[in-house]
Protein backbone atom coordinates (compact mmCIF):
# COMPACT_ATOMS: atom_id res chain seq x y z
CA MET A 1 -4.63 22.85 22.95
CA ILE A 2 -1.53 24.79 22.62
CA ASN A 3 -2.02 25.52 18.93
CA GLN A 4 1.29 23.59 17.89
CA ALA A 5 1.49 21.22 14.95
CA GLU A 6 1.15 17.44 15.82
CA LEU A 7 4.29 15.37 15.81
CA PRO A 8 4.65 13.30 12.71
CA LEU A 9 4.51 9.51 13.19
CA PHE A 10 6.42 7.10 11.19
CA ASN A 11 4.20 4.89 9.05
CA PRO A 12 6.15 2.51 6.68
CA LEU A 13 2.95 1.93 4.71
CA LYS A 14 1.98 5.57 4.23
CA ILE A 15 1.40 6.53 0.66
CA GLU A 16 2.51 10.03 -0.34
CA ASN A 17 0.57 12.30 -2.67
CA ASP A 18 2.57 11.88 -5.86
CA ALA A 19 2.10 15.49 -6.94
CA THR A 20 5.10 16.25 -9.22
CA GLN A 21 5.89 19.85 -10.10
CA GLY A 22 8.28 19.45 -13.00
CA ASN A 23 11.38 18.51 -10.92
CA ASN A 24 10.33 15.04 -9.67
CA ASN A 25 9.57 16.39 -6.03
CA VAL A 26 7.27 14.51 -3.83
CA ILE A 27 5.14 16.61 -1.54
CA GLU A 28 4.51 14.88 1.88
CA VAL A 29 0.88 15.09 2.93
CA ASP A 30 0.02 14.98 6.65
CA ASN A 31 -3.72 15.36 7.29
CA GLY A 32 -3.71 18.90 5.94
CA ASN A 33 -1.14 20.11 8.54
CA GLN A 34 0.69 22.91 6.54
CA ALA A 35 3.73 22.90 9.05
CA ASN A 36 4.83 19.48 7.95
CA HIS A 37 4.88 19.91 4.18
CA ARG A 38 8.27 19.11 2.68
CA GLN A 39 9.18 18.81 -0.93
CA TRP A 40 11.37 15.79 -1.19
CA LYS A 41 13.40 14.85 -4.11
CA ASP A 42 11.93 11.61 -5.43
CA LEU A 43 15.08 9.56 -5.11
CA ALA A 44 15.65 10.87 -1.59
CA LYS A 45 12.16 9.91 -0.53
CA GLN A 46 12.54 6.38 -1.90
CA LEU A 47 15.80 5.90 -0.01
CA SER A 48 14.29 7.19 3.16
CA ASN A 49 11.29 4.85 2.78
CA ALA A 50 13.53 1.92 2.09
CA ILE A 51 15.50 2.59 5.31
CA ASN A 52 12.31 3.01 7.27
CA ILE A 53 10.85 -0.23 5.94
CA PHE A 54 14.10 -1.91 6.79
CA ILE A 55 13.96 -0.63 10.38
CA ALA A 56 10.41 -1.79 10.76
CA TYR A 57 11.14 -5.28 9.37
CA TRP A 58 14.39 -5.84 11.21
CA GLU A 59 13.13 -4.64 14.62
CA LYS A 60 16.57 -3.77 15.79
CA SER A 61 18.62 -0.66 16.01
CA ILE A 62 20.33 0.23 12.82
CA ASN A 63 24.09 0.37 12.55
CA ARG A 64 26.16 3.55 12.47
CA ILE A 65 26.53 3.61 8.69
CA LEU A 66 22.82 3.22 8.05
CA ALA A 67 21.92 5.62 10.76
CA GLU A 68 24.42 8.17 9.28
CA ILE A 69 22.90 7.74 5.86
CA LYS A 70 19.26 8.06 7.20
CA ILE A 71 20.31 11.32 8.90
CA LYS A 72 21.91 12.75 5.77
CA VAL A 73 19.03 11.92 3.61
CA TYR A 74 16.50 13.36 6.02
CA GLU A 75 18.59 16.55 6.43
CA ASN A 76 19.21 16.87 2.63
CA TYR A 77 15.71 15.79 1.57
CA SER A 78 15.61 18.30 -1.32
CA GLU A 79 18.68 16.98 -2.89
CA ALA A 80 19.33 13.64 -4.64
CA PRO A 81 21.37 11.27 -2.38
CA GLU A 82 24.82 10.26 -3.27
CA ASP A 83 25.33 6.99 -5.28
CA ARG A 84 27.47 5.53 -2.49
CA HIS A 85 24.71 5.99 -0.02
CA ILE A 86 22.25 4.31 -2.31
CA LYS A 87 24.76 1.36 -2.83
CA ALA A 88 25.32 1.04 0.94
CA VAL A 89 21.59 0.83 1.73
CA ASN A 90 21.12 -1.72 -1.06
CA THR A 91 23.85 -3.78 0.41
CA CYS A 92 22.42 -3.71 3.83
CA LEU A 93 19.00 -4.63 2.59
CA LYS A 94 20.46 -7.56 0.44
CA ARG A 95 22.34 -8.90 3.45
CA ILE A 96 19.46 -8.78 5.95
CA LEU A 97 16.43 -9.40 3.64
CA HIS A 98 18.10 -12.26 1.61
CA ASN A 99 16.57 -11.24 -1.80
CA LYS A 100 13.09 -10.74 -0.54
CA ILE A 101 10.97 -8.24 -2.57
CA LEU A 102 9.40 -5.19 -1.09
CA LYS A 103 5.93 -6.60 -1.26
CA ASP A 104 6.95 -9.62 0.78
CA VAL A 105 8.65 -7.36 3.45
CA GLN A 106 5.46 -5.13 3.62
CA LYS A 107 3.26 -8.16 4.14
CA VAL A 108 5.54 -9.35 7.07
CA ILE A 109 5.31 -5.86 8.75
CA ILE A 110 1.60 -5.79 8.33
CA LEU A 111 1.19 -9.36 9.86
CA LYS A 112 3.46 -8.35 12.73
CA ASN A 113 1.38 -5.17 13.31
CA THR A 114 -2.00 -6.86 13.07
CA THR A 115 -1.02 -9.64 15.51
CA LEU A 116 0.10 -7.00 17.97
CA LEU A 117 -3.34 -5.48 18.06
CA TYR A 118 -5.01 -8.65 19.36
C-alpha cells in the first residue's frame, strides 16, 4: 500500500540461491524484492545461519557474547568473520547441542514448528 519493501522474516530453513560470482559471495534471494539483496561472504552467511539455527533450537535469548558476534557478522556481512568469532560460536554450539549434527537440530526445529500449527 505504501510502496515500501516488506520486512524480511527469519526462516532458519531458508535456502539461499548459491550464485557465486568468483569471490564466494552468496546472494540472498527474497521473493524478487530488489531492496533486500545483500552479497554475503560465504563464511559470514554460514556463521549467521548457524547462530540463527541455534537461536531457533534453544528458544531462549542468546547471551551477550553470541549476540555481539551476531551483530558484528550481520553488520560486516561482506567480510569474512574473525577466527575467534567462529571458535566462540562453535564452543557455544557444542555446549548446548551436545554433539548433535545440524540435520538433527533442523529436524527438531521442524517438529516444533509443525506441532505449533495444530
